């Protein structure tokens, strides 16, 4: 009986390992071969003296401000828990105007080179730009602050505050196959280089002029310019978004430049923030970017 149980366990572990290798290779093939081309430090950033204070503004974006009431629960929950903070909203036109007025033509052209069908990639880029310029908190429109985080902010006023993507032994994709894949869907650790997969970028908390965010911006411009010359590198839709502007490139830059400028928290800032208070996929009129048929996320603009 014991031998049979042992045999079943061994067979399961072998199948689990083989399944993991298959999924990992399939996943790897969807990512750019060069996830992080060289960072071009000649990408000009506005002169901003780094603040030692994170201002009390929460920046959010949605393509149509007439529809932000669809996310009223997330907005109200956040306001209740951060009563001294102002929530500011930007639509697509506001974002383009903001970049035009505050950043170089090169950065604007990089932003406009992102296929508009991939709004989340544009929103990724914008969040780094707006926090670098103004400081404060960026929060996705569907996300919410569940408990007051003033203490975390006050104690780290000159830092970039980030959260781990995962922090559970069940979510170490390099060690297990079935469980993490069905639970999380993706094996980010193979690309980010850290065991918990990625740092969340759906919330960004930092003072204006934070040097790591400056490097993130320069890297994204470098990615886009590289990708325009090698369009095949970024033709896998949502997967390419993660590497071009999203949490994977954000994580890679944080890991490279963090030094003493970054504070890393457990997932969801110790469960004081949540990624999705409301289901965003069934709201608004635009297709979710995972459903866009054209998988090329960059475009040449005339």
C-alpha atoms as a PDB file:
ATOM      1  CA  UNK A   1       0.000   0.000   0.000  1.00  0.00           C
ATOM      2  CA  UNK A   2       2.776   2.424   1.007  1.00  0.00           C
ATOM      3  CA  UNK A   3       4.715   1.556  -2.141  1.00  0.00           C
ATOM      4  CA  UNK A   4       1.663   2.326  -4.260  1.00  0.00           C
ATOM      5  CA  UNK A   5       1.181   5.709  -2.559  1.00  0.00           C
ATOM      6  CA  UNK A   6       4.873   6.502  -3.017  1.00  0.00           C
ATOM      7  CA  UNK A   7       4.686   5.499  -6.679  1.00  0.00           C
ATOM      8  CA  UNK A   8       1.651   7.737  -7.254  1.00  0.00           C
ATOM      9  CA  UNK A   9       3.443  10.675  -5.620  1.00  0.00           C
ATOM     10  CA  UNK A  10       6.565  10.126  -7.724  1.00  0.00           C
ATOM     11  CA  UNK A  11       4.524   9.921 -10.938  1.00  0.00           C
ATOM     12  CA  UNK A  12       2.657  13.088  -9.987  1.00  0.00           C
ATOM     13  CA  UNK A  13       5.897  14.974  -9.332  1.00  0.00           C
ATOM     14  CA  UNK A  14       7.365  13.852 -12.647  1.00  0.00           C
ATOM     15  CA  UNK A  15       4.226  14.876 -14.545  1.00  0.00           C
ATOM     16  CA  UNK A  16       4.142  18.136 -12.628  1.00  0.00           C
ATOM     17  CA  UNK A  17       7.748  18.887 -13.583  1.00  0.00           C
ATOM     18  CA  UNK A  18       7.192  18.029 -17.246  1.00  0.00           C
ATOM     19  CA  UNK A  19       4.002  20.105 -17.352  1.00  0.00           C
ATOM     20  CA  UNK A  20       5.871  23.046 -15.833  1.00  0.00           C
ATOM     21  CA  UNK A  21       8.696  22.811 -18.391  1.00  0.00           C
ATOM     22  CA  UNK A  22       6.176  22.659 -21.251  1.00  0.00           C
ATOM     23  CA  UNK A  23       4.236  25.670 -20.003  1.00  0.00           C
ATOM     24  CA  UNK A  24       7.405  27.633 -19.256  1.00  0.00           C
ATOM     25  CA  UNK A  25       8.789  27.106 -22.761  1.00  0.00           C
ATOM     26  CA  UNK A  26       5.449  28.006 -24.347  1.00  0.00           C
ATOM     27  CA  UNK A  27       5.285  31.141 -22.227  1.00  0.00           C
ATOM     28  CA  UNK A  28       8.902  32.093 -22.976  1.00  0.00           C
ATOM     29  CA  UNK A  29       8.238  32.006 -26.713  1.00  0.00           C
ATOM     30  CA  UNK A  30       5.667  34.774 -26.331  1.00  0.00           C
ATOM     31  CA  UNK A  31       8.140  37.222 -24.820  1.00  0.00           C
ATOM     32  CA  UNK A  32      10.648  39.488 -26.581  1.00  0.00           C
ATOM     33  CA  UNK A  33      13.982  37.768 -27.043  1.00  0.00           C
ATOM     34  CA  UNK A  34      15.704  40.815 -25.583  1.00  0.00           C
ATOM     35  CA  UNK A  35      13.496  41.876 -22.707  1.00  0.00           C
ATOM     36  CA  UNK A  36      15.759  44.757 -21.732  1.00  0.00           C
ATOM     37  CA  UNK A  37      17.719  46.470 -24.512  1.00  0.00           C
ATOM     38  CA  UNK A  38      20.438  48.917 -23.396  1.00  0.00           C
ATOM     39  CA  UNK A  39      19.152  51.956 -21.523  1.00  0.00           C
ATOM     40  CA  UNK A  40      19.830  55.166 -23.429  1.00  0.00           C
ATOM     41  CA  UNK A  41      20.796  57.790 -20.855  1.00  0.00           C
ATOM     42  CA  UNK A  42      20.556  60.522 -23.504  1.00  0.00           C
ATOM     43  CA  UNK A  43      16.747  60.373 -23.129  1.00  0.00           C
ATOM     44  CA  UNK A  44      16.197  63.841 -21.679  1.00  0.00           C
ATOM     45  CA  UNK A  45      14.145  64.201 -18.524  1.00  0.00           C
ATOM     46  CA  UNK A  46      12.760  67.445 -17.085  1.00  0.00           C
ATOM     47  CA  UNK A  47      14.834  69.002 -14.333  1.00  0.00           C
ATOM     48  CA  UNK A  48      13.076  68.075 -11.112  1.00  0.00           C
ATOM     49  CA  UNK A  49      14.719  68.316  -7.727  1.00  0.00           C
ATOM     50  CA  UNK A  50      13.830  65.140  -5.875  1.00  0.00           C
ATOM     51  CA  UNK A  51      11.386  65.933  -3.076  1.00  0.00           C
ATOM     52  CA  UNK A  52      11.589  64.472   0.388  1.00  0.00           C
ATOM     53  CA  UNK A  53       7.822  64.528   0.627  1.00  0.00           C
ATOM     54  CA  UNK A  54       5.174  62.503  -1.166  1.00  0.00           C
ATOM     55  CA  UNK A  55       2.355  64.914  -1.922  1.00  0.00           C
ATOM     56  CA  UNK A  56      -1.254  64.106  -1.152  1.00  0.00           C
ATOM     57  CA  UNK A  57      -2.504  63.501  -4.666  1.00  0.00           C
ATOM     58  CA  UNK A  58      -3.822  60.230  -6.109  1.00  0.00           C
ATOM     59  CA  UNK A  59      -3.524  60.112  -9.899  1.00  0.00           C
ATOM     60  CA  UNK A  60      -5.821  57.856 -11.935  1.00  0.00           C
ATOM     61  CA  UNK A  61      -6.504  57.445 -15.638  1.00  0.00           C
ATOM     62  CA  UNK A  62      -9.371  56.163 -17.753  1.00  0.00           C
ATOM     63  CA  UNK A  63      -9.957  56.676 -21.451  1.00  0.00           C
ATOM     64  CA  UNK A  64     -13.372  58.322 -20.929  1.00  0.00           C
ATOM     65  CA  UNK A  65     -13.873  60.465 -17.829  1.00  0.00           C
ATOM     66  CA  UNK A  66     -17.640  60.409 -18.379  1.00  0.00           C
ATOM     67  CA  UNK A  67     -17.505  56.751 -17.386  1.00  0.00           C
ATOM     68  CA  UNK A  68     -15.371  56.851 -14.241  1.00  0.00           C
ATOM     69  CA  UNK A  69     -18.556  56.502 -12.168  1.00  0.00           C
ATOM     70  CA  UNK A  70     -18.413  52.843 -13.243  1.00  0.00           C
ATOM     71  CA  UNK A  71     -15.617  52.575 -10.681  1.00  0.00           C
ATOM     72  CA  UNK A  72     -17.270  54.651  -7.962  1.00  0.00           C
ATOM     73  CA  UNK A  73     -16.833  51.962  -5.337  1.00  0.00           C
ATOM     74  CA  UNK A  74     -13.049  51.961  -5.819  1.00  0.00           C
ATOM     75  CA  UNK A  75     -12.978  55.759  -5.803  1.00  0.00           C
ATOM     76  CA  UNK A  76     -15.155  56.096  -2.682  1.00  0.00           C
ATOM     77  CA  UNK A  77     -13.314  53.361  -0.777  1.00  0.00           C
ATOM     78  CA  UNK A  78     -10.008  55.057  -1.469  1.00  0.00           C
ATOM     79  CA  UNK A  79     -11.320  58.478  -0.442  1.00  0.00           C
ATOM     80  CA  UNK A  80     -12.734  57.083   2.788  1.00  0.00           C
ATOM     81  CA  UNK A  81      -9.391  55.584   3.765  1.00  0.00           C
ATOM     82  CA  UNK A  82      -7.234  58.519   2.575  1.00  0.00           C
ATOM     83  CA  UNK A  83      -9.415  61.515   3.541  1.00  0.00           C
ATOM     84  CA  UNK A  84      -6.692  64.128   3.182  1.00  0.00           C
ATOM     85  CA  UNK A  85      -5.882  63.181  -0.403  1.00  0.00           C
ATOM     86  CA  UNK A  86      -7.214  64.539  -3.689  1.00  0.00           C
ATOM     87  CA  UNK A  87      -7.991  62.132  -6.525  1.00  0.00           C
ATOM     88  CA  UNK A  88      -7.163  63.514  -9.979  1.00  0.00           C
ATOM     89  CA  UNK A  89      -8.304  61.887 -13.233  1.00  0.00           C
ATOM     90  CA  UNK A  90      -6.837  61.958 -16.741  1.00  0.00           C
ATOM     91  CA  UNK A  91      -8.369  60.796 -20.009  1.00  0.00           C
ATOM     92  CA  UNK A  92      -6.417  60.084 -23.207  1.00  0.00           C
ATOM     93  CA  UNK A  93      -6.424  63.731 -24.280  1.00  0.00           C
ATOM     94  CA  UNK A  94      -5.275  64.882 -20.848  1.00  0.00           C
ATOM     95  CA  UNK A  95      -2.362  62.466 -20.968  1.00  0.00           C
ATOM     96  CA  UNK A  96      -1.149  63.618 -24.370  1.00  0.00           C
ATOM     97  CA  UNK A  97      -1.433  67.252 -23.253  1.00  0.00           C
ATOM     98  CA  UNK A  98       0.446  66.491 -20.010  1.00  0.00           C
ATOM     99  CA  UNK A  99       3.337  64.826 -21.871  1.00  0.00           C
ATOM    100  CA  UNK A 100       3.486  67.618 -24.469  1.00  0.00           C
ATOM    101  CA  UNK A 101       3.702  70.291 -21.767  1.00  0.00           C
ATOM    102  CA  UNK A 102       6.130  68.538 -19.428  1.00  0.00           C
ATOM    103  CA  UNK A 103       8.360  66.217 -21.457  1.00  0.00           C
ATOM    104  CA  UNK A 104      10.496  66.243 -24.586  1.00  0.00           C
ATOM    105  CA  UNK A 105       9.300  65.607 -28.128  1.00  0.00           C
ATOM    106  CA  UNK A 106      11.264  62.344 -28.044  1.00  0.00           C
ATOM    107  CA  UNK A 107       9.268  61.057 -25.081  1.00  0.00           C
ATOM    108  CA  UNK A 108       6.000  62.198 -26.656  1.00  0.00           C
ATOM    109  CA  UNK A 109       6.853  60.378 -29.883  1.00  0.00           C
ATOM    110  CA  UNK A 110       7.684  57.226 -27.921  1.00  0.00           C
ATOM    111  CA  UNK A 111       4.302  57.414 -26.185  1.00  0.00           C
ATOM    112  CA  UNK A 112       2.443  57.959 -29.465  1.00  0.00           C
ATOM    113  CA  UNK A 113       4.274  54.994 -31.029  1.00  0.00           C
ATOM    114  CA  UNK A 114       2.322  52.648 -28.759  1.00  0.00           C
ATOM    115  CA  UNK A 115      -0.699  51.210 -30.581  1.00  0.00           C
ATOM    116  CA  UNK A 116      -3.790  53.012 -29.137  1.00  0.00           C
ATOM    117  CA  UNK A 117      -5.556  49.636 -28.969  1.00  0.00           C
ATOM    118  CA  UNK A 118      -3.139  48.851 -26.149  1.00  0.00           C
ATOM    119  CA  UNK A 119      -4.309  51.551 -23.769  1.00  0.00           C
ATOM    120  CA  UNK A 120      -2.799  49.775 -20.728  1.00  0.00           C
ATOM    121  CA  UNK A 121       0.684  50.075 -22.268  1.00  0.00           C
ATOM    122  CA  UNK A 122       0.120  53.807 -22.721  1.00  0.00           C
ATOM    123  CA  UNK A 123      -1.253  54.020 -19.179  1.00  0.00           C
ATOM    124  CA  UNK A 124       1.822  52.193 -17.876  1.00  0.00           C
ATOM    125  CA  UNK A 125       4.091  54.764 -19.482  1.00  0.00           C
ATOM    126  CA  UNK A 126       1.975  57.663 -18.225  1.00  0.00           C
ATOM    127  CA  UNK A 127       2.009  56.547 -14.593  1.00  0.00           C
ATOM    128  CA  UNK A 128       5.799  56.744 -14.416  1.00  0.00           C
ATOM    129  CA  UNK A 129       5.774  60.137 -16.124  1.00  0.00           C
ATOM    130  CA  UNK A 130       3.114  61.686 -13.886  1.00  0.00           C
ATOM    131  CA  UNK A 131       4.634  60.476 -10.613  1.00  0.00           C
ATOM    132  CA  UNK A 132       8.130  61.506 -11.734  1.00  0.00           C
ATOM    133  CA  UNK A 133       6.786  64.999 -12.448  1.00  0.00           C
ATOM    134  CA  UNK A 134       4.407  65.530  -9.534  1.00  0.00           C
ATOM    135  CA  UNK A 135       4.991  62.775  -7.007  1.00  0.00           C
ATOM    136  CA  UNK A 136       2.164  61.290  -4.957  1.00  0.00           C
ATOM    137  CA  UNK A 137       0.259  58.067  -5.606  1.00  0.00           C
ATOM    138  CA  UNK A 138      -0.712  56.476  -8.895  1.00  0.00           C
ATOM    139  CA  UNK A 139      -3.600  54.015  -8.651  1.00  0.00           C
ATOM    140  CA  UNK A 140      -5.375  52.064 -11.385  1.00  0.00           C
ATOM    141  CA  UNK A 141      -9.013  53.078 -11.833  1.00  0.00           C
ATOM    142  CA  UNK A 142     -10.224  49.641 -10.642  1.00  0.00           C
ATOM    143  CA  UNK A 143      -7.869  49.577  -7.638  1.00  0.00           C
ATOM    144  CA  UNK A 144      -8.474  50.872  -4.136  1.00  0.00           C
ATOM    145  CA  UNK A 145      -6.782  51.670  -0.858  1.00  0.00           C
ATOM    146  CA  UNK A 146      -8.421  49.498   1.793  1.00  0.00           C
ATOM    147  CA  UNK A 147      -6.753  50.952   4.891  1.00  0.00           C
ATOM    148  CA  UNK A 148      -4.951  54.191   5.621  1.00  0.00           C
ATOM    149  CA  UNK A 149      -1.318  54.074   4.437  1.00  0.00           C
ATOM    150  CA  UNK A 150      -0.265  57.474   5.771  1.00  0.00           C
ATOM    151  CA  UNK A 151       2.160  55.858   8.220  1.00  0.00           C
ATOM    152  CA  UNK A 152       3.932  53.943   5.443  1.00  0.00           C
ATOM    153  CA  UNK A 153       4.191  57.132   3.385  1.00  0.00           C
ATOM    154  CA  UNK A 154       5.340  59.375   6.251  1.00  0.00           C
ATOM    155  CA  UNK A 155       8.037  56.914   7.300  1.00  0.00           C
ATOM    156  CA  UNK A 156       9.381  56.701   3.734  1.00  0.00           C
ATOM    157  CA  UNK A 157       8.768  60.156   2.297  1.00  0.00           C
ATOM    158  CA  UNK A 158      11.837  60.116   0.040  1.00  0.00           C
ATOM    159  CA  UNK A 159      11.413  56.523  -1.180  1.00  0.00           C
ATOM    160  CA  UNK A 160       9.668  54.621  -3.957  1.00  0.00           C
ATOM    161  CA  UNK A 161       7.224  52.258  -2.226  1.00  0.00           C
ATOM    162  CA  UNK A 162       6.621  48.980  -4.050  1.00  0.00           C
ATOM    163  CA  UNK A 163       4.875  45.686  -3.344  1.00  0.00           C
ATOM    164  CA  UNK A 164       5.911  42.167  -4.214  1.00  0.00           C
ATOM    165  CA  UNK A 165       3.676  40.407  -6.698  1.00  0.00           C
ATOM    166  CA  UNK A 166       3.447  37.266  -4.580  1.00  0.00           C
ATOM    167  CA  UNK A 167       4.913  36.020  -1.334  1.00  0.00           C
ATOM    168  CA  UNK A 168       3.667  32.473  -0.779  1.00  0.00           C
ATOM    169  CA  UNK A 169       5.419  29.158  -1.238  1.00  0.00           C
ATOM    170  CA  UNK A 170       2.493  28.047  -3.395  1.00  0.00           C
ATOM    171  CA  UNK A 171       3.371  30.834  -5.806  1.00  0.00           C
ATOM    172  CA  UNK A 172       6.990  29.995  -6.606  1.00  0.00           C
ATOM    173  CA  UNK A 173       6.582  28.874 -10.227  1.00  0.00           C
ATOM    174  CA  UNK A 174      10.168  27.680 -10.519  1.00  0.00           C
ATOM    175  CA  UNK A 175       9.514  25.040  -7.882  1.00  0.00           C
ATOM    176  CA  UNK A 176       6.039  23.823  -8.796  1.00  0.00           C
ATOM    177  CA  UNK A 177       4.006  23.281 -11.917  1.00  0.00           C
ATOM    178  CA  UNK A 178       0.250  22.827 -11.633  1.00  0.00           C
ATOM    179  CA  UNK A 179      -0.549  24.903  -8.572  1.00  0.00           C
ATOM    180  CA  UNK A 180       1.109  28.230  -9.457  1.00  0.00           C
ATOM    181  CA  UNK A 181       0.120  28.090 -13.131  1.00  0.00           C
ATOM    182  CA  UNK A 182      -3.559  27.636 -12.363  1.00  0.00           C
ATOM    183  CA  UNK A 183      -3.361  30.089  -9.482  1.00  0.00           C
ATOM    184  CA  UNK A 184      -1.393  32.849 -11.177  1.00  0.00           C
ATOM    185  CA  UNK A 185      -1.414  31.981 -14.861  1.00  0.00           C
ATOM    186  CA  UNK A 186       2.080  33.176 -15.640  1.00  0.00           C
ATOM    187  CA  UNK A 187       5.652  32.416 -14.665  1.00  0.00           C
ATOM    188  CA  UNK A 188       6.985  35.959 -14.338  1.00  0.00           C
ATOM    189  CA  UNK A 189      10.033  34.956 -12.309  1.00  0.00           C
ATOM    190  CA  UNK A 190      11.772  33.587 -15.390  1.00  0.00           C
ATOM    191  CA  UNK A 191      11.836  37.119 -16.828  1.00  0.00           C
ATOM    192  CA  UNK A 192      11.964  39.383 -13.791  1.00  0.00           C
ATOM    193  CA  UNK A 193      14.773  37.471 -12.106  1.00  0.00           C
ATOM    194  CA  UNK A 194      13.092  37.473  -8.677  1.00  0.00           C
ATOM    195  CA  UNK A 195      11.284  34.539  -7.133  1.00  0.00           C
ATOM    196  CA  UNK A 196       8.021  36.385  -6.425  1.00  0.00           C
ATOM    197  CA  UNK A 197       7.619  37.279 -10.057  1.00  0.00           C
ATOM    198  CA  UNK A 198       7.336  41.053 -10.255  1.00  0.00           C
ATOM    199  CA  UNK A 199       6.782  44.287  -8.386  1.00  0.00           C
ATOM    200  CA  UNK A 200       3.254  45.630  -8.782  1.00  0.00           C
ATOM    201  CA  UNK A 201       2.932  48.746 -10.919  1.00  0.00           C
ATOM    202  CA  UNK A 202      -0.834  49.206 -10.537  1.00  0.00           C
ATOM    203  CA  UNK A 203       0.082  51.340  -7.546  1.00  0.00           C
ATOM    204  CA  UNK A 204       3.117  53.624  -7.526  1.00  0.00           C
ATOM    205  CA  UNK A 205       4.009  55.773  -4.531  1.00  0.00           C
ATOM    206  CA  UNK A 206       6.986  58.124  -4.704  1.00  0.00           C
ATOM    207  CA  UNK A 207       8.138  61.734  -4.413  1.00  0.00           C
ATOM    208  CA  UNK A 208       8.605  63.859  -7.535  1.00  0.00           C
ATOM    209  CA  UNK A 209      11.909  63.364  -9.331  1.00  0.00           C
ATOM    210  CA  UNK A 210      12.599  59.917  -7.900  1.00  0.00           C
ATOM    211  CA  UNK A 211      15.755  58.656  -9.688  1.00  0.00           C
ATOM    212  CA  UNK A 212      14.528  55.089 -10.177  1.00  0.00           C
ATOM    213  CA  UNK A 213      11.396  56.318 -11.965  1.00  0.00           C
ATOM    214  CA  UNK A 214      13.671  58.437 -14.151  1.00  0.00           C
ATOM    215  CA  UNK A 215      15.530  55.281 -15.152  1.00  0.00           C
ATOM    216  CA  UNK A 216      12.222  53.499 -15.814  1.00  0.00           C
ATOM    217  CA  UNK A 217      11.207  56.285 -18.201  1.00  0.00           C
ATOM    218  CA  UNK A 218      14.549  56.193 -20.028  1.00  0.00           C
ATOM    219  CA  UNK A 219      14.338  52.413 -20.324  1.00  0.00           C
ATOM    220  CA  UNK A 220      10.827  52.485 -21.758  1.00  0.00           C
ATOM    221  CA  UNK A 221      11.825  55.028 -24.402  1.00  0.00           C
ATOM    222  CA  UNK A 222      14.807  52.795 -25.190  1.00  0.00           C
ATOM    223  CA  UNK A 223      12.483  49.775 -25.430  1.00  0.00           C
ATOM    224  CA  UNK A 224      10.101  51.537 -27.803  1.00  0.00           C
ATOM    225  CA  UNK A 225      12.843  52.862 -30.082  1.00  0.00           C
ATOM    226  CA  UNK A 226      14.479  49.433 -30.140  1.00  0.00           C
ATOM    227  CA  UNK A 227      11.110  47.817 -30.828  1.00  0.00           C
ATOM    228  CA  UNK A 228      10.344  50.117 -33.750  1.00  0.00           C
ATOM    229  CA  UNK A 229      13.485  48.814 -35.461  1.00  0.00           C
ATOM    230  CA  UNK A 230      12.672  45.214 -34.526  1.00  0.00           C
ATOM    231  CA  UNK A 231       8.887  45.089 -34.692  1.00  0.00           C
ATOM    232  CA  UNK A 232       8.815  41.304 -34.342  1.00  0.00           C
ATOM    233  CA  UNK A 233      10.115  41.655 -30.789  1.00  0.00           C
ATOM    234  CA  UNK A 234       6.837  43.165 -29.558  1.00  0.00           C
ATOM    235  CA  UNK A 235       4.105  41.361 -31.479  1.00  0.00           C
ATOM    236  CA  UNK A 236       2.570  39.206 -28.773  1.00  0.00           C
ATOM    237  CA  UNK A 237      -0.107  41.504 -27.451  1.00  0.00           C
ATOM    238  CA  UNK A 238      -0.576  41.445 -23.694  1.00  0.00           C
ATOM    239  CA  UNK A 239       2.684  39.560 -23.161  1.00  0.00           C
ATOM    240  CA  UNK A 240       4.621  42.275 -24.947  1.00  0.00           C
ATOM    241  CA  UNK A 241       2.897  44.978 -22.899  1.00  0.00           C
ATOM    242  CA  UNK A 242       4.306  43.466 -19.715  1.00  0.00           C
ATOM    243  CA  UNK A 243       7.835  43.604 -21.093  1.00  0.00           C
ATOM    244  CA  UNK A 244       7.664  46.915 -22.974  1.00  0.00           C
ATOM    245  CA  UNK A 245       6.084  49.216 -20.380  1.00  0.00           C
ATOM    246  CA  UNK A 246       4.581  46.996 -17.703  1.00  0.00           C
ATOM    247  CA  UNK A 247       5.545  45.368 -14.404  1.00  0.00           C
ATOM    248  CA  UNK A 248       8.370  43.234 -15.784  1.00  0.00           C
ATOM    249  CA  UNK A 249      10.442  46.122 -17.111  1.00  0.00           C
ATOM    250  CA  UNK A 250       9.493  48.115 -13.985  1.00  0.00           C
ATOM    251  CA  UNK A 251      10.820  45.259 -11.857  1.00  0.00           C
ATOM    252  CA  UNK A 252      14.037  44.885 -13.850  1.00  0.00           C
ATOM    253  CA  UNK A 253      14.875  48.566 -13.439  1.00  0.00           C
ATOM    254  CA  UNK A 254      14.017  48.618  -9.736  1.00  0.00           C
ATOM    255  CA  UNK A 255      16.261  45.613  -9.143  1.00  0.00           C
ATOM    256  CA  UNK A 256      19.122  47.261 -11.034  1.00  0.00           C
ATOM    257  CA  UNK A 257      18.948  50.732  -9.503  1.00  0.00           C
ATOM    258  CA  UNK A 258      17.113  50.425  -6.182  1.00  0.00           C
ATOM    259  CA  UNK A 259      20.064  50.903  -3.756  1.00  0.00           C
ATOM    260  CA  UNK A 260      18.581  52.709  -0.732  1.00  0.00           C
ATOM    261  CA  UNK A 261      15.880  54.528  -2.692  1.00  0.00           C
ATOM    262  CA  UNK A 262      13.215  51.807  -2.667  1.00  0.00           C
ATOM    263  CA  UNK A 263      11.177  50.200   0.130  1.00  0.00           C
ATOM    264  CA  UNK A 264       9.763  46.765  -0.697  1.00  0.00           C
ATOM    265  CA  UNK A 265       6.580  45.605   1.021  1.00  0.00           C
ATOM    266  CA  UNK A 266       4.774  42.253   1.043  1.00  0.00           C
ATOM    267  CA  UNK A 267       1.990  41.843  -1.534  1.00  0.00           C
ATOM    268  CA  UNK A 268      -0.591  44.632  -1.757  1.00  0.00           C
ATOM    269  CA  UNK A 269       1.319  46.832   0.708  1.00  0.00           C
ATOM    270  CA  UNK A 270       0.578  44.426   3.542  1.00  0.00           C
ATOM    271  CA  UNK A 271      -2.959  43.968   2.157  1.00  0.00           C
ATOM    272  CA  UNK A 272      -3.784  47.657   2.543  1.00  0.00           C
ATOM    273  CA  UNK A 273      -4.373  48.110  -1.189  1.00  0.00           C
ATOM    274  CA  UNK A 274      -6.150  45.908  -3.697  1.00  0.00           C
ATOM    275  CA  UNK A 275      -5.575  45.466  -7.416  1.00  0.00           C
ATOM    276  CA  UNK A 276      -9.200  44.953  -8.395  1.00  0.00           C
ATOM    277  CA  UNK A 277     -12.035  46.115  -6.190  1.00  0.00           C
ATOM    278  CA  UNK A 278     -14.321  46.052  -9.237  1.00  0.00           C
ATOM    279  CA  UNK A 279     -14.251  43.920 -12.389  1.00  0.00           C
ATOM    280  CA  UNK A 280     -12.892  46.216 -15.088  1.00  0.00           C
ATOM    281  CA  UNK A 281     -13.126  43.754 -17.994  1.00  0.00           C
ATOM    282  CA  UNK A 282     -16.910  44.049 -18.236  1.00  0.00           C
ATOM    283  CA  UNK A 283     -17.053  47.830 -17.988  1.00  0.00           C
ATOM    284  CA  UNK A 284     -16.613  50.513 -20.616  1.00  0.00           C
ATOM    285  CA  UNK A 285     -16.865  50.045 -24.367  1.00  0.00           C
ATOM    286  CA  UNK A 286     -13.296  49.140 -25.262  1.00  0.00           C
ATOM    287  CA  UNK A 287     -12.062  45.577 -25.639  1.00  0.00           C
ATOM    288  CA  UNK A 288      -9.750  44.361 -22.917  1.00  0.00           C
ATOM    289  CA  UNK A 289      -6.235  44.466 -24.337  1.00  0.00           C
ATOM    290  CA  UNK A 290      -5.883  40.694 -24.023  1.00  0.00           C
ATOM    291  CA  UNK A 291      -8.659  40.387 -26.637  1.00  0.00           C
ATOM    292  CA  UNK A 292      -7.219  42.763 -29.251  1.00  0.00           C
ATOM    293  CA  UNK A 293      -6.716  40.882 -32.535  1.00  0.00           C
ATOM    294  CA  UNK A 294      -3.725  42.928 -33.734  1.00  0.00           C
ATOM    295  CA  UNK A 295      -0.933  41.640 -31.499  1.00  0.00           C
ATOM    296  CA  UNK A 296       1.601  44.256 -32.590  1.00  0.00           C
ATOM    297  CA  UNK A 297       1.718  46.888 -29.854  1.00  0.00           C
ATOM    298  CA  UNK A 298       4.022  49.371 -31.595  1.00  0.00           C
ATOM    299  CA  UNK A 299       3.360  51.423 -34.710  1.00  0.00           C
ATOM    300  CA  UNK A 300       5.238  53.868 -36.878  1.00  0.00           C
ATOM    301  CA  UNK A 301       3.712  57.335 -36.804  1.00  0.00           C
ATOM    302  CA  UNK A 302       4.012  59.842 -39.647  1.00  0.00           C
END
